[in-house]
């Protein structure tokens, strides 16, 4: 009788562990999917400069919350897990600008100059291990 009770108790504990592991996995996957949905929905879509400024602010905030390190130029360093980088190409320049340089030079100034300009996301990349979005490339149209 004792063996039966101990066996049932072990089965219940094992079932609880499996259930906990599954729900933990599902919650993490849902978090990744929700995060990626916001960014991946921008791919090949035209947006205004105001929207791009909002995306830059959100990305900077996300990198700060995730404690992403910066290099000597103030640009975020990819961490192969949850860092996000954005590069922007303007029609009047041959140079590509990282989001950090736009943010550092006042996002409000960018908004004044480019609020009605149209940008298109032409490239998106994902971290290999976590599948989080890691890179977005916007071009002014």
C-alpha atoms as a PDB file:
ATOM      1  CA  UNK A   1       0.000   0.000   0.000  1.00  0.00           C
ATOM      2  CA  UNK A   2       2.825   2.373   0.855  1.00  0.00           C
ATOM      3  CA  UNK A   3       4.532   1.667  -2.457  1.00  0.00           C
ATOM      4  CA  UNK A   4       1.356   2.541  -4.345  1.00  0.00           C
ATOM      5  CA  UNK A   5       0.977   5.858  -2.525  1.00  0.00           C
ATOM      6  CA  UNK A   6       4.657   6.734  -3.044  1.00  0.00           C
ATOM      7  CA  UNK A   7       4.396   5.789  -6.733  1.00  0.00           C
ATOM      8  CA  UNK A   8       1.278   7.916  -7.218  1.00  0.00           C
ATOM      9  CA  UNK A   9       2.935  10.806  -5.397  1.00  0.00           C
ATOM     10  CA  UNK A  10       5.983  10.543  -7.719  1.00  0.00           C
ATOM     11  CA  UNK A  11       3.735  10.470 -10.799  1.00  0.00           C
ATOM     12  CA  UNK A  12       1.881  13.565  -9.593  1.00  0.00           C
ATOM     13  CA  UNK A  13       5.161  15.408  -8.933  1.00  0.00           C
ATOM     14  CA  UNK A  14       6.533  14.381 -12.338  1.00  0.00           C
ATOM     15  CA  UNK A  15       3.322  15.521 -14.020  1.00  0.00           C
ATOM     16  CA  UNK A  16       3.548  18.855 -12.159  1.00  0.00           C
ATOM     17  CA  UNK A  17       7.150  19.363 -13.260  1.00  0.00           C
ATOM     18  CA  UNK A  18       6.270  18.604 -16.884  1.00  0.00           C
ATOM     19  CA  UNK A  19       3.282  20.954 -16.764  1.00  0.00           C
ATOM     20  CA  UNK A  20       5.374  23.739 -15.223  1.00  0.00           C
ATOM     21  CA  UNK A  21       8.095  23.274 -17.863  1.00  0.00           C
ATOM     22  CA  UNK A  22       5.540  23.380 -20.672  1.00  0.00           C
ATOM     23  CA  UNK A  23       3.850  26.558 -19.406  1.00  0.00           C
ATOM     24  CA  UNK A  24       7.223  28.219 -18.847  1.00  0.00           C
ATOM     25  CA  UNK A  25       8.264  27.345 -22.419  1.00  0.00           C
ATOM     26  CA  UNK A  26       4.925  28.585 -23.792  1.00  0.00           C
ATOM     27  CA  UNK A  27       5.160  31.887 -21.901  1.00  0.00           C
ATOM     28  CA  UNK A  28       8.689  32.490 -23.192  1.00  0.00           C
ATOM     29  CA  UNK A  29       7.660  31.655 -26.761  1.00  0.00           C
ATOM     30  CA  UNK A  30       4.630  33.960 -26.535  1.00  0.00           C
ATOM     31  CA  UNK A  31       6.868  36.766 -25.265  1.00  0.00           C
ATOM     32  CA  UNK A  32       9.256  36.291 -28.194  1.00  0.00           C
ATOM     33  CA  UNK A  33       6.369  36.113 -30.675  1.00  0.00           C
ATOM     34  CA  UNK A  34       4.769  39.308 -29.317  1.00  0.00           C
ATOM     35  CA  UNK A  35       8.085  41.157 -29.381  1.00  0.00           C
ATOM     36  CA  UNK A  36       8.877  40.001 -32.911  1.00  0.00           C
ATOM     37  CA  UNK A  37       5.375  40.729 -34.192  1.00  0.00           C
ATOM     38  CA  UNK A  38       5.814  44.451 -33.612  1.00  0.00           C
ATOM     39  CA  UNK A  39       9.088  44.512 -35.527  1.00  0.00           C
ATOM     40  CA  UNK A  40       8.402  41.914 -38.219  1.00  0.00           C
ATOM     41  CA  UNK A  41       5.156  43.665 -39.154  1.00  0.00           C
ATOM     42  CA  UNK A  42       7.324  46.579 -40.343  1.00  0.00           C
ATOM     43  CA  UNK A  43       9.166  44.512 -42.952  1.00  0.00           C
ATOM     44  CA  UNK A  44       8.556  45.838 -46.493  1.00  0.00           C
ATOM     45  CA  UNK A  45       6.092  48.342 -45.086  1.00  0.00           C
ATOM     46  CA  UNK A  46       6.299  52.103 -45.547  1.00  0.00           C
ATOM     47  CA  UNK A  47       6.128  54.196 -42.385  1.00  0.00           C
ATOM     48  CA  UNK A  48       6.500  57.885 -41.554  1.00  0.00           C
ATOM     49  CA  UNK A  49       9.414  59.495 -39.752  1.00  0.00           C
ATOM     50  CA  UNK A  50       7.192  59.921 -36.681  1.00  0.00           C
ATOM     51  CA  UNK A  51       6.599  56.176 -36.545  1.00  0.00           C
ATOM     52  CA  UNK A  52      10.306  55.487 -37.061  1.00  0.00           C
ATOM     53  CA  UNK A  53      11.121  57.824 -34.151  1.00  0.00           C
ATOM     54  CA  UNK A  54       8.705  55.844 -31.977  1.00  0.00           C
ATOM     55  CA  UNK A  55      10.368  52.576 -33.023  1.00  0.00           C
ATOM     56  CA  UNK A  56      13.815  54.006 -32.239  1.00  0.00           C
ATOM     57  CA  UNK A  57      12.639  55.116 -28.779  1.00  0.00           C
ATOM     58  CA  UNK A  58      11.079  51.694 -28.119  1.00  0.00           C
ATOM     59  CA  UNK A  59      14.233  49.892 -29.241  1.00  0.00           C
ATOM     60  CA  UNK A  60      16.549  52.084 -27.160  1.00  0.00           C
ATOM     61  CA  UNK A  61      14.288  51.476 -24.158  1.00  0.00           C
ATOM     62  CA  UNK A  62      14.284  47.724 -24.799  1.00  0.00           C
ATOM     63  CA  UNK A  63      18.087  47.612 -25.067  1.00  0.00           C
ATOM     64  CA  UNK A  64      18.422  49.609 -21.851  1.00  0.00           C
ATOM     65  CA  UNK A  65      15.992  47.319 -19.989  1.00  0.00           C
ATOM     66  CA  UNK A  66      17.948  44.288 -21.210  1.00  0.00           C
ATOM     67  CA  UNK A  67      21.251  45.872 -20.052  1.00  0.00           C
ATOM     68  CA  UNK A  68      22.822  45.720 -23.514  1.00  0.00           C
ATOM     69  CA  UNK A  69      26.404  46.973 -23.406  1.00  0.00           C
ATOM     70  CA  UNK A  70      27.608  49.892 -25.573  1.00  0.00           C
ATOM     71  CA  UNK A  71      30.864  50.335 -27.450  1.00  0.00           C
ATOM     72  CA  UNK A  72      33.101  53.433 -27.327  1.00  0.00           C
ATOM     73  CA  UNK A  73      30.862  55.144 -29.941  1.00  0.00           C
ATOM     74  CA  UNK A  74      27.764  54.666 -27.785  1.00  0.00           C
ATOM     75  CA  UNK A  75      26.324  51.987 -30.097  1.00  0.00           C
ATOM     76  CA  UNK A  76      24.767  48.867 -28.623  1.00  0.00           C
ATOM     77  CA  UNK A  77      26.839  45.705 -28.901  1.00  0.00           C
ATOM     78  CA  UNK A  78      25.058  42.606 -30.166  1.00  0.00           C
ATOM     79  CA  UNK A  79      24.760  40.009 -27.407  1.00  0.00           C
ATOM     80  CA  UNK A  80      23.389  37.044 -29.432  1.00  0.00           C
ATOM     81  CA  UNK A  81      20.308  36.980 -27.224  1.00  0.00           C
ATOM     82  CA  UNK A  82      18.033  40.036 -27.082  1.00  0.00           C
ATOM     83  CA  UNK A  83      19.863  43.095 -28.429  1.00  0.00           C
ATOM     84  CA  UNK A  84      18.287  45.071 -31.262  1.00  0.00           C
ATOM     85  CA  UNK A  85      20.053  47.358 -33.722  1.00  0.00           C
ATOM     86  CA  UNK A  86      18.520  49.691 -36.284  1.00  0.00           C
ATOM     87  CA  UNK A  87      20.314  51.347 -39.189  1.00  0.00           C
ATOM     88  CA  UNK A  88      18.763  54.128 -41.271  1.00  0.00           C
ATOM     89  CA  UNK A  89      19.737  55.181 -44.786  1.00  0.00           C
ATOM     90  CA  UNK A  90      18.672  58.653 -45.933  1.00  0.00           C
ATOM     91  CA  UNK A  91      18.272  59.572 -49.593  1.00  0.00           C
ATOM     92  CA  UNK A  92      20.420  62.703 -49.246  1.00  0.00           C
ATOM     93  CA  UNK A  93      23.422  60.828 -47.789  1.00  0.00           C
ATOM     94  CA  UNK A  94      25.594  57.909 -48.811  1.00  0.00           C
ATOM     95  CA  UNK A  95      26.164  57.050 -45.167  1.00  0.00           C
ATOM     96  CA  UNK A  96      24.045  54.702 -43.055  1.00  0.00           C
ATOM     97  CA  UNK A  97      23.238  56.011 -39.582  1.00  0.00           C
ATOM     98  CA  UNK A  98      22.757  53.827 -36.497  1.00  0.00           C
ATOM     99  CA  UNK A  99      19.739  54.589 -34.332  1.00  0.00           C
ATOM    100  CA  UNK A 100      22.026  55.651 -31.482  1.00  0.00           C
ATOM    101  CA  UNK A 101      23.398  58.603 -33.463  1.00  0.00           C
ATOM    102  CA  UNK A 102      19.883  59.815 -34.274  1.00  0.00           C
ATOM    103  CA  UNK A 103      18.826  59.368 -30.659  1.00  0.00           C
ATOM    104  CA  UNK A 104      21.942  61.160 -29.356  1.00  0.00           C
ATOM    105  CA  UNK A 105      21.349  64.109 -31.706  1.00  0.00           C
ATOM    106  CA  UNK A 106      17.849  64.646 -30.312  1.00  0.00           C
ATOM    107  CA  UNK A 107      15.035  62.496 -31.590  1.00  0.00           C
ATOM    108  CA  UNK A 108      12.849  65.634 -31.530  1.00  0.00           C
ATOM    109  CA  UNK A 109      15.111  67.202 -34.175  1.00  0.00           C
ATOM    110  CA  UNK A 110      14.778  64.063 -36.308  1.00  0.00           C
ATOM    111  CA  UNK A 111      10.998  64.248 -35.915  1.00  0.00           C
ATOM    112  CA  UNK A 112      10.930  67.912 -36.989  1.00  0.00           C
ATOM    113  CA  UNK A 113      12.971  67.194 -40.110  1.00  0.00           C
ATOM    114  CA  UNK A 114      11.566  63.807 -41.126  1.00  0.00           C
ATOM    115  CA  UNK A 115       8.077  63.516 -39.601  1.00  0.00           C
ATOM    116  CA  UNK A 116       6.431  63.259 -43.019  1.00  0.00           C
ATOM    117  CA  UNK A 117       9.272  61.465 -44.773  1.00  0.00           C
ATOM    118  CA  UNK A 118       8.567  57.865 -45.759  1.00  0.00           C
ATOM    119  CA  UNK A 119      10.843  55.035 -44.658  1.00  0.00           C
ATOM    120  CA  UNK A 120      10.723  51.381 -45.599  1.00  0.00           C
ATOM    121  CA  UNK A 121      12.168  48.432 -43.680  1.00  0.00           C
ATOM    122  CA  UNK A 122      14.120  46.446 -46.267  1.00  0.00           C
ATOM    123  CA  UNK A 123      16.010  44.023 -44.033  1.00  0.00           C
ATOM    124  CA  UNK A 124      15.279  42.194 -40.813  1.00  0.00           C
ATOM    125  CA  UNK A 125      17.480  39.658 -39.028  1.00  0.00           C
ATOM    126  CA  UNK A 126      16.930  37.405 -36.024  1.00  0.00           C
ATOM    127  CA  UNK A 127      19.171  36.036 -33.264  1.00  0.00           C
ATOM    128  CA  UNK A 128      19.946  32.403 -34.055  1.00  0.00           C
ATOM    129  CA  UNK A 129      19.525  31.012 -30.550  1.00  0.00           C
ATOM    130  CA  UNK A 130      16.561  32.985 -29.181  1.00  0.00           C
ATOM    131  CA  UNK A 131      14.836  33.947 -32.460  1.00  0.00           C
ATOM    132  CA  UNK A 132      14.408  37.544 -31.211  1.00  0.00           C
ATOM    133  CA  UNK A 133      14.659  40.310 -33.805  1.00  0.00           C
ATOM    134  CA  UNK A 134      18.246  41.569 -33.763  1.00  0.00           C
ATOM    135  CA  UNK A 135      18.487  43.997 -36.686  1.00  0.00           C
ATOM    136  CA  UNK A 136      16.312  46.291 -38.802  1.00  0.00           C
ATOM    137  CA  UNK A 137      17.381  48.352 -41.805  1.00  0.00           C
ATOM    138  CA  UNK A 138      15.271  51.313 -42.911  1.00  0.00           C
ATOM    139  CA  UNK A 139      15.674  53.301 -46.126  1.00  0.00           C
ATOM    140  CA  UNK A 140      14.124  56.652 -46.842  1.00  0.00           C
ATOM    141  CA  UNK A 141      11.890  56.280 -49.868  1.00  0.00           C
END
